[in-house]
Amino acid sequence: MVALTLALVAVAGTPAAADPPAPSHHPGPRPTPGGVETGAGIRLLDAPVNRREDSRAHRYIVDHVAPGTTIKRRIVVENKAEIRRPVAVYPAAAEVGPDEFVFAPGRTPNELTSWISVERTEVPLDPDEEETLWVTIDVPREASAGERYGVVWAEVSGTGQQMIRNVGRAGIRIYLSVGPGGEPPSAFEVGPLVGGRDADGRATVTAEVRNTGQRALDLTGELALADGPGGLSAGPVRTETVTLGLGGTATVRIPLDGRLPDGPWSATLALASGWTKRTVSGTVTFSGKAVAASAGRDPDRTTAVLAGGLVVSALVLASFLGLVHRRRNRLTPPLRAR
């Protein structure tokens, strides 16, 4: 008989794309079908000296190295289960699509994972206990140039029902560029800011972004509004993380409070991927009202129904007036001839 495996997944800083998402570095324990909670936490301790100002390098393993280089990073793994459990630590494959970071299922390998070793592949830990481990990446001398992607997972299996195995895991992304000389440039373009309202009436600002560089990007930032009606201002409001592959495009969408007046507003959007930053400004308005779901029906049919209703109403009214006229004729006594 086949056992069912349930996966609960989070990746440091962002939701996982290939498995059910969780929104934080350390996902809180979740109930398993057997009643015993399970989960794992993981975080990065080290960033290269030359990347201390790169915010991505404090969340992910991000680097550019020459062939034949060995790099090391310290990670912290944690058991978030309610009981003592072994935490498995292992690398797995990933790739970056046009607008998302995609994790391969399970322990799927790729070229990068064959270069990665973990100090200990399994660590027994008590509830909420942590352990620091070294992750080593040995890049072969014959490695070709290019950027490679992967993830280091920390995984805890639950003790659910006999035919159900619940798995909780969290991971740290890897963006490793290999090649001689300096790092390939990172760059992106931001299109004009566009204001509007969604179907629920919430004010929104959107902007198209495009990766014009030679490395994958993780864009985050803030939107600020100023010079609104009566001198109002709003924000800054944080954006969600958007991942862009080489040549990829995506839409950054920032939902705002539905009570904001239409404007106009002076809007400034600042986006960054590590130390690569861009800022764009413009005037936006939130004109237009939410479109009700029923507004999409055929206008000809709506007109016909309305006209039909008016005709029926007119016929009913005419019938009623005729009935009243006949009753009055019956009740009025005839005049006598003189």
Protein backbone atom coordinates (compact mmCIF):
# COMPACT_ATOMS: atom_id res chain seq x y z
CA MET A 1 0.00 0.00 0.00
CA VAL A 2 1.17 3.54 -0.72
CA ALA A 3 1.65 6.00 2.13
CA LEU A 4 0.54 9.60 1.69
CA THR A 5 3.13 12.31 2.32
CA LEU A 6 2.06 15.83 3.27
CA ALA A 7 4.67 18.57 2.84
CA LEU A 8 4.70 21.84 4.77
CA VAL A 9 7.34 24.10 3.30
CA ALA A 10 8.91 27.52 3.83
CA VAL A 11 11.98 29.10 2.32
CA ALA A 12 13.97 31.72 4.16
CA GLY A 13 12.47 35.08 3.31
CA THR A 14 9.90 33.97 0.73
CA PRO A 15 7.21 31.36 0.11
CA ALA A 16 8.14 28.16 -1.64
CA ALA A 17 6.90 27.84 -5.19
CA ALA A 18 6.97 24.11 -5.75
CA ASP A 19 5.26 23.09 -2.52
CA PRO A 20 2.53 24.58 -0.30
CA PRO A 21 3.81 28.01 0.79
CA ALA A 22 4.58 29.40 4.20
CA PRO A 23 5.39 33.08 4.62
CA SER A 24 8.32 33.32 7.04
CA HIS A 25 11.89 32.29 7.77
CA HIS A 26 10.75 29.92 10.49
CA PRO A 27 7.29 28.53 9.87
CA GLY A 28 5.34 27.90 13.03
CA PRO A 29 4.50 24.31 13.82
CA ARG A 30 1.35 23.04 12.18
CA PRO A 31 -0.90 20.18 13.28
CA THR A 32 -0.27 16.86 11.60
CA PRO A 33 -3.09 14.40 10.91
CA GLY A 34 -1.84 12.33 13.85
CA GLY A 35 -2.05 15.29 16.23
CA VAL A 36 1.73 15.78 16.68
CA GLU A 37 2.99 19.09 15.33
CA THR A 38 5.99 19.12 13.02
CA GLY A 39 8.20 21.73 11.40
CA ALA A 40 11.74 22.91 10.81
CA GLY A 41 13.49 26.26 10.85
CA ILE A 42 16.65 27.36 9.09
CA ARG A 43 18.59 30.61 8.70
CA LEU A 44 21.89 31.83 7.30
CA LEU A 45 24.60 33.14 9.66
CA ASP A 46 27.33 34.23 7.24
CA ALA A 47 27.63 36.68 4.35
CA PRO A 48 30.83 37.32 2.34
CA VAL A 49 32.85 40.35 3.39
CA ASN A 50 32.43 41.86 -0.07
CA ARG A 51 28.63 41.49 0.23
CA ARG A 52 28.01 42.96 3.67
CA GLU A 53 25.91 45.70 2.04
CA ASP A 54 23.96 43.19 -0.07
CA SER A 55 20.72 42.43 1.79
CA ARG A 56 20.13 39.29 -0.29
CA ALA A 57 23.43 37.79 0.89
CA HIS A 58 22.13 37.85 4.48
CA ARG A 59 19.07 35.78 3.53
CA TYR A 60 20.34 33.53 0.74
CA ILE A 61 23.64 32.05 -0.38
CA VAL A 62 24.48 34.54 -3.14
CA ASP A 63 27.96 34.71 -4.66
CA HIS A 64 30.13 34.90 -7.78
CA VAL A 65 33.22 32.68 -7.82
CA ALA A 66 35.83 31.45 -10.26
CA PRO A 67 36.03 27.75 -11.20
CA GLY A 68 38.00 25.77 -8.62
CA THR A 69 36.79 27.92 -5.69
CA THR A 70 35.50 26.55 -2.38
CA ILE A 71 33.04 28.59 -0.33
CA LYS A 72 31.64 27.91 3.14
CA ARG A 73 28.57 29.23 4.94
CA ARG A 74 27.24 28.61 8.43
CA ILE A 75 23.56 27.82 8.83
CA VAL A 76 21.35 27.32 11.90
CA VAL A 77 18.70 24.57 11.86
CA GLU A 78 15.92 24.24 14.42
CA ASN A 79 13.42 21.57 15.43
CA LYS A 80 9.98 23.19 15.67
CA ALA A 81 8.20 19.93 16.47
CA GLU A 82 6.69 19.25 19.89
CA ILE A 83 8.88 16.22 20.49
CA ARG A 84 12.53 15.30 19.94
CA ARG A 85 12.98 14.61 16.24
CA PRO A 86 15.87 14.11 13.80
CA VAL A 87 16.27 17.07 11.42
CA ALA A 88 17.51 16.08 7.96
CA VAL A 89 19.68 18.67 6.17
CA TYR A 90 20.33 18.29 2.44
CA PRO A 91 20.69 20.22 -0.84
CA ALA A 92 18.18 19.99 -3.69
CA ALA A 93 17.68 21.41 -7.16
CA ALA A 94 15.91 24.62 -8.10
CA GLU A 95 15.55 26.90 -11.11
CA VAL A 96 14.43 30.43 -11.83
CA GLY A 97 11.66 30.99 -14.35
CA PRO A 98 10.75 34.33 -15.91
CA ASP A 99 9.02 35.51 -12.72
CA GLU A 100 9.47 32.91 -9.97
CA PHE A 101 11.94 30.73 -8.08
CA VAL A 102 10.91 27.09 -8.55
CA PHE A 103 11.96 24.27 -6.22
CA ALA A 104 12.31 20.76 -7.59
CA PRO A 105 10.35 18.09 -5.70
CA GLY A 106 11.93 16.12 -2.88
CA ARG A 107 15.68 15.61 -3.09
CA THR A 108 15.97 16.10 -6.84
CA PRO A 109 19.65 16.72 -7.70
CA ASN A 110 21.27 18.98 -10.27
CA GLU A 111 24.82 20.03 -11.13
CA LEU A 112 25.01 22.48 -8.23
CA THR A 113 23.86 19.96 -5.62
CA SER A 114 26.71 17.64 -6.64
CA TRP A 115 29.12 20.37 -5.45
CA ILE A 116 27.42 20.84 -2.04
CA SER A 117 28.12 19.01 1.20
CA VAL A 118 26.62 19.56 4.66
CA GLU A 119 28.58 19.03 7.86
CA ARG A 120 25.89 16.68 9.20
CA THR A 121 23.04 15.27 7.14
CA GLU A 122 20.88 14.47 10.18
CA VAL A 123 20.76 16.20 13.57
CA PRO A 124 18.60 14.88 16.46
CA LEU A 125 17.14 17.92 18.24
CA ASP A 126 14.80 18.55 21.14
CA PRO A 127 11.80 20.87 20.66
CA ASP A 128 13.02 24.40 19.76
CA GLU A 129 16.66 23.26 19.97
CA GLU A 130 19.09 24.71 17.39
CA GLU A 131 22.31 23.48 15.81
CA THR A 132 24.91 25.37 13.75
CA LEU A 133 26.28 23.56 10.70
CA TRP A 134 28.72 24.29 7.89
CA VAL A 135 27.62 24.12 4.26
CA THR A 136 30.48 23.73 1.77
CA ILE A 137 30.33 24.32 -1.99
CA ASP A 138 33.31 22.97 -3.98
CA VAL A 139 33.20 24.37 -7.51
CA PRO A 140 35.14 22.14 -9.95
CA ARG A 141 37.96 23.69 -11.96
CA GLU A 142 36.25 22.57 -15.17
CA ALA A 143 32.90 24.20 -14.27
CA SER A 144 31.44 26.25 -17.11
CA ALA A 145 30.40 29.87 -16.70
CA GLY A 146 26.84 30.67 -15.70
CA GLU A 147 24.47 31.09 -12.78
CA ARG A 148 23.17 28.02 -10.96
CA TYR A 149 20.32 27.64 -8.48
CA GLY A 150 19.52 25.34 -5.59
CA VAL A 151 18.31 25.17 -2.00
CA VAL A 152 19.52 23.75 1.31
CA TRP A 153 16.61 22.15 3.14
CA ALA A 154 16.05 21.39 6.84
CA GLU A 155 13.33 18.75 7.15
CA VAL A 156 11.42 17.16 10.02
CA SER A 157 9.08 14.20 9.53
CA GLY A 158 6.05 13.86 11.77
CA THR A 159 4.64 10.77 13.45
CA GLY A 160 1.14 10.84 12.02
CA GLN A 161 -1.27 8.03 11.27
CA GLN A 162 0.06 4.81 9.85
CA MET A 163 -0.66 5.63 6.22
CA ILE A 164 0.16 9.35 6.43
CA ARG A 165 3.65 10.83 6.80
CA ASN A 166 3.69 14.56 7.45
CA VAL A 167 6.81 16.48 6.43
CA GLY A 168 7.73 20.04 7.43
CA ARG A 169 10.76 21.69 5.86
CA ALA A 170 12.32 25.12 5.40
CA GLY A 171 15.17 26.13 3.15
CA ILE A 172 17.74 28.70 2.08
CA ARG A 173 17.98 29.59 -1.60
CA ILE A 174 21.29 29.44 -3.47
CA TYR A 175 22.22 31.78 -6.34
CA LEU A 176 25.75 30.85 -7.43
CA SER A 177 27.38 32.56 -10.41
CA VAL A 178 30.51 30.88 -11.79
CA GLY A 179 32.99 32.44 -14.18
CA PRO A 180 36.34 34.21 -14.53
CA GLY A 181 36.80 37.88 -13.69
CA GLY A 182 34.23 40.12 -12.10
CA GLU A 183 30.62 39.37 -11.35
CA PRO A 184 28.12 39.70 -14.23
CA PRO A 185 26.10 42.91 -13.88
CA SER A 186 22.66 42.99 -12.29
CA ALA A 187 20.17 45.49 -13.69
CA PHE A 188 16.45 46.05 -14.13
CA GLU A 189 14.02 48.56 -15.58
CA VAL A 190 10.83 49.87 -13.99
CA GLY A 191 7.91 51.03 -16.13
CA PRO A 192 5.52 53.91 -15.39
CA LEU A 193 3.41 53.82 -12.24
CA VAL A 194 -0.28 53.13 -12.83
CA GLY A 195 -3.02 53.83 -10.29
CA GLY A 196 -6.45 52.25 -10.15
CA ARG A 197 -8.92 50.37 -8.00
CA ASP A 198 -9.57 46.64 -7.83
CA ALA A 199 -12.98 44.95 -7.81
CA ASP A 200 -13.26 45.53 -4.06
CA GLY A 201 -12.61 49.25 -4.41
CA ARG A 202 -9.08 49.15 -2.95
CA ALA A 203 -6.62 51.65 -4.36
CA THR A 204 -3.69 49.95 -6.12
CA VAL A 205 -0.45 51.00 -7.79
CA THR A 206 1.21 48.73 -10.35
CA ALA A 207 4.44 48.87 -12.34
CA GLU A 208 6.00 46.53 -14.88
CA VAL A 209 9.58 45.46 -14.12
CA ARG A 210 12.07 43.76 -16.44
CA ASN A 211 15.38 42.07 -15.70
CA THR A 212 17.95 43.59 -18.08
CA GLY A 213 21.03 42.19 -16.35
CA GLN A 214 22.86 38.88 -16.31
CA ARG A 215 21.81 37.56 -12.89
CA ALA A 216 18.48 36.57 -11.34
CA LEU A 217 16.87 39.20 -9.11
CA ASP A 218 14.69 39.29 -5.99
CA LEU A 219 12.99 42.67 -5.98
CA THR A 220 11.57 44.27 -2.84
CA GLY A 221 10.85 47.88 -2.03
CA GLU A 222 8.50 50.59 -0.81
CA LEU A 223 5.84 52.87 -2.25
CA ALA A 224 5.21 56.35 -0.83
CA LEU A 225 2.39 58.75 -1.72
CA ALA A 226 2.56 62.53 -1.22
CA ASP A 227 0.83 65.76 -2.29
CA GLY A 228 -2.60 64.15 -2.23
CA PRO A 229 -5.91 66.01 -1.82
CA GLY A 230 -5.62 68.47 1.05
CA GLY A 231 -1.90 67.78 1.35
CA LEU A 232 -2.41 64.15 2.38
CA SER A 233 0.41 61.60 2.28
CA ALA A 234 0.48 57.81 2.71
CA GLY A 235 3.09 55.12 3.22
CA PRO A 236 5.68 53.95 2.81
CA VAL A 237 4.07 50.59 2.01
CA ARG A 238 6.25 47.50 1.56
CA THR A 239 6.01 45.50 -1.65
CA GLU A 240 5.98 41.73 -1.87
CA THR A 241 9.14 40.02 -3.15
CA VAL A 242 9.20 39.48 -6.92
CA THR A 243 11.75 37.08 -8.42
CA LEU A 244 12.91 37.72 -11.99
CA GLY A 245 14.91 35.32 -14.12
CA LEU A 246 17.22 36.45 -16.92
CA GLY A 247 15.17 38.58 -19.31
CA GLY A 248 12.05 38.01 -17.21
CA THR A 249 9.25 40.49 -16.65
CA ALA A 250 6.64 40.78 -13.91
CA THR A 251 4.13 43.20 -12.44
CA VAL A 252 4.76 44.73 -9.03
CA ARG A 253 1.36 45.36 -7.43
CA ILE A 254 0.94 47.35 -4.23
CA PRO A 255 -2.57 47.27 -2.68
CA LEU A 256 -3.49 50.29 -0.56
CA ASP A 257 -6.33 51.41 1.68
CA GLY A 258 -9.67 51.62 -0.10
CA ARG A 259 -10.47 54.84 1.79
CA LEU A 260 -7.77 56.80 -0.03
CA PRO A 261 -9.28 59.58 -2.18
CA ASP A 262 -8.81 59.40 -5.94
CA GLY A 263 -6.07 62.02 -6.01
CA PRO A 264 -4.05 63.01 -7.91
CA TRP A 265 -1.05 61.82 -5.86
CA SER A 266 2.71 62.06 -6.30
CA ALA A 267 3.93 58.44 -6.08
CA THR A 268 7.49 57.20 -5.58
CA LEU A 269 8.40 53.51 -5.87
CA ALA A 270 11.86 52.39 -4.73
CA LEU A 271 12.88 48.82 -5.65
CA ALA A 272 16.09 46.92 -4.93
CA SER A 273 17.65 43.52 -5.46
CA GLY A 274 20.57 43.49 -3.08
CA TRP A 275 22.68 46.54 -3.88
CA THR A 276 21.06 47.05 -7.31
CA LYS A 277 18.46 49.79 -6.84
CA ARG A 278 16.02 51.79 -8.94
CA THR A 279 13.52 54.55 -8.08
CA VAL A 280 10.65 55.75 -10.25
CA SER A 281 8.19 58.58 -9.60
CA GLY A 282 4.99 59.73 -11.22
CA THR A 283 1.49 61.09 -10.72
CA VAL A 284 -1.25 58.53 -10.11
CA THR A 285 -5.00 58.69 -9.56
CA PHE A 286 -7.35 56.06 -8.20
CA SER A 287 -10.35 57.05 -10.28
CA GLY A 288 -13.09 54.62 -11.19
CA LYS A 289 -15.37 52.52 -9.03
CA ALA A 290 -15.38 48.81 -8.36
CA VAL A 291 -17.21 46.85 -11.02
CA ALA A 292 -19.89 44.63 -9.53
CA ALA A 293 -19.87 40.98 -10.58
CA SER A 294 -23.35 41.35 -12.14
CA ALA A 295 -22.19 44.22 -14.35
CA GLY A 296 -20.77 41.77 -16.84
CA ARG A 297 -24.16 40.54 -18.10
CA ASP A 298 -25.18 41.21 -21.71
CA PRO A 299 -26.41 44.85 -22.06
CA ASP A 300 -28.89 43.88 -24.81
CA ARG A 301 -30.43 41.27 -22.54
CA THR A 302 -30.58 43.75 -19.67
CA THR A 303 -32.36 46.30 -21.89
CA ALA A 304 -34.79 43.67 -23.14
CA VAL A 305 -35.62 42.56 -19.60
CA LEU A 306 -36.16 46.17 -18.53
CA ALA A 307 -38.35 46.94 -21.54
CA GLY A 308 -40.33 43.75 -21.01
CA GLY A 309 -40.92 44.66 -17.39
CA LEU A 310 -42.21 48.09 -18.36
CA VAL A 311 -44.60 46.57 -20.93
CA VAL A 312 -45.96 44.08 -18.40
CA SER A 313 -46.42 46.87 -15.86
CA ALA A 314 -48.29 48.98 -18.41
CA LEU A 315 -50.60 46.07 -19.29
CA VAL A 316 -51.34 45.39 -15.63
CA LEU A 317 -52.11 49.06 -15.03
CA ALA A 318 -54.39 49.23 -18.09
CA SER A 319 -56.28 46.12 -16.98
CA PHE A 320 -56.74 47.56 -13.50
CA LEU A 321 -58.07 50.87 -14.81
CA GLY A 322 -60.49 49.05 -17.13
CA LEU A 323 -61.80 46.96 -14.24
CA VAL A 324 -62.36 50.07 -12.11
CA HIS A 325 -64.22 51.77 -14.98
CA ARG A 326 -66.55 48.79 -15.45
CA ARG A 327 -67.31 48.55 -11.72
CA ARG A 328 -68.20 52.25 -11.57
CA ASN A 329 -70.60 51.85 -14.51
CA ARG A 330 -72.39 49.01 -12.74
CA LEU A 331 -72.75 50.90 -9.45
CA THR A 332 -74.03 54.20 -10.91
CA PRO A 333 -77.93 54.19 -11.05
CA PRO A 334 -79.49 55.05 -14.43
CA LEU A 335 -81.00 58.50 -14.79
CA ARG A 336 -84.83 58.59 -15.04
CA ALA A 337 -86.41 60.29 -18.02
CA ARG A 338 -88.40 63.34 -17.21
